[in-house]
Amino acid sequence: MPIYEYVCDDCGEHYERIVLSQKTRVTCPKCDSGKQTIQLSVFASPSNGSKASGGGSPMTSSGGGGCCGGACGCH
């Protein structure tokens, strides 16, 4: 089941919906408008950590920077 991210064209609300078919009516949860724009969605896929599939996660890489280069202090 695909999950789509939307932004309402009328009020600017951001929301997600599971869309089971093309006949599924999608409306804004805030203003009930049917006018929306589908947003580019980023998704994650599990990694087994092997070098053949691209290595481990960026948070555990030997570069020490993680997701942001380490400058923000999130580590």
Protein backbone atom coordinates (compact mmCIF):
# COMPACT_ATOMS: atom_id res chain seq x y z
CA MET A 1 0.00 0.00 0.00
CA PRO A 2 1.61 3.26 -1.07
CA ILE A 3 1.69 6.17 1.35
CA TYR A 4 1.66 9.56 -0.34
CA GLU A 5 2.64 12.90 1.19
CA TYR A 6 0.54 15.92 0.26
CA VAL A 7 0.39 19.67 0.85
CA CYS A 8 -3.02 21.36 0.67
CA ASP A 9 -3.20 24.02 -2.04
CA ASP A 10 -5.74 26.03 -0.01
CA CYS A 11 -4.38 26.11 3.57
CA GLY A 12 -0.81 24.74 3.28
CA GLU A 13 -1.36 21.77 5.65
CA HIS A 14 1.09 18.85 5.16
CA TYR A 15 -0.34 15.34 5.56
CA GLU A 16 0.03 11.69 4.48
CA ARG A 17 -2.54 9.27 3.13
CA ILE A 18 -2.57 5.58 2.25
CA VAL A 19 -3.97 5.33 -1.26
CA LEU A 20 -5.50 1.97 -2.07
CA SER A 21 -6.64 2.83 -5.60
CA GLN A 22 -6.86 5.73 -8.02
CA LYS A 23 -10.50 6.13 -6.99
CA THR A 24 -9.51 7.00 -3.40
CA ARG A 25 -10.63 10.56 -2.62
CA VAL A 26 -7.97 12.51 -0.74
CA THR A 27 -8.97 15.59 1.25
CA CYS A 28 -7.13 17.88 3.63
CA PRO A 29 -7.66 16.97 7.31
CA LYS A 30 -7.62 20.66 8.29
CA CYS A 31 -9.91 22.37 5.75
CA ASP A 32 -11.42 19.39 3.84
CA SER A 33 -10.20 20.76 0.50
CA GLY A 34 -9.76 18.34 -2.37
CA LYS A 35 -7.01 20.46 -3.95
CA GLN A 36 -3.55 19.21 -3.04
CA THR A 37 -0.07 18.70 -4.46
CA ILE A 38 1.77 15.40 -4.05
CA GLN A 39 5.16 15.93 -2.42
CA LEU A 40 8.38 14.13 -3.21
CA SER A 41 8.64 11.43 -0.56
CA VAL A 42 11.85 10.06 0.89
CA PHE A 43 11.74 6.52 2.21
CA ALA A 44 14.14 4.25 4.03
CA SER A 45 14.93 0.65 3.29
CA PRO A 46 16.57 -1.76 5.70
CA SER A 47 20.23 -2.56 5.20
CA ASN A 48 21.95 -5.78 6.11
CA GLY A 49 25.22 -3.90 6.62
CA SER A 50 27.27 -5.81 4.04
CA LYS A 51 29.76 -3.95 1.88
CA ALA A 52 28.27 -5.53 -1.24
CA SER A 53 25.02 -3.63 -0.72
CA GLY A 54 26.65 -0.29 -0.03
CA GLY A 55 27.85 -0.67 3.54
CA GLY A 56 26.28 0.25 6.85
CA SER A 57 24.15 3.20 7.82
CA PRO A 58 25.53 6.74 7.61
CA MET A 59 25.12 7.15 11.38
CA THR A 60 27.73 4.45 12.02
CA SER A 61 30.18 5.20 9.23
CA SER A 62 33.85 5.63 10.01
CA GLY A 63 33.73 9.23 8.77
CA GLY A 64 32.40 10.31 12.18
CA GLY A 65 30.02 12.83 10.66
CA GLY A 66 26.82 10.83 10.55
CA CYS A 67 23.79 12.54 9.09
CA CYS A 68 25.00 16.14 9.34
CA GLY A 69 28.79 16.01 9.49
CA GLY A 70 28.81 16.16 13.29
CA ALA A 71 28.70 19.96 13.51
CA CYS A 72 25.26 20.17 15.11
CA GLY A 73 26.11 18.07 18.16
CA CYS A 74 23.43 15.46 17.52
CA HIS A 75 25.86 12.61 18.30
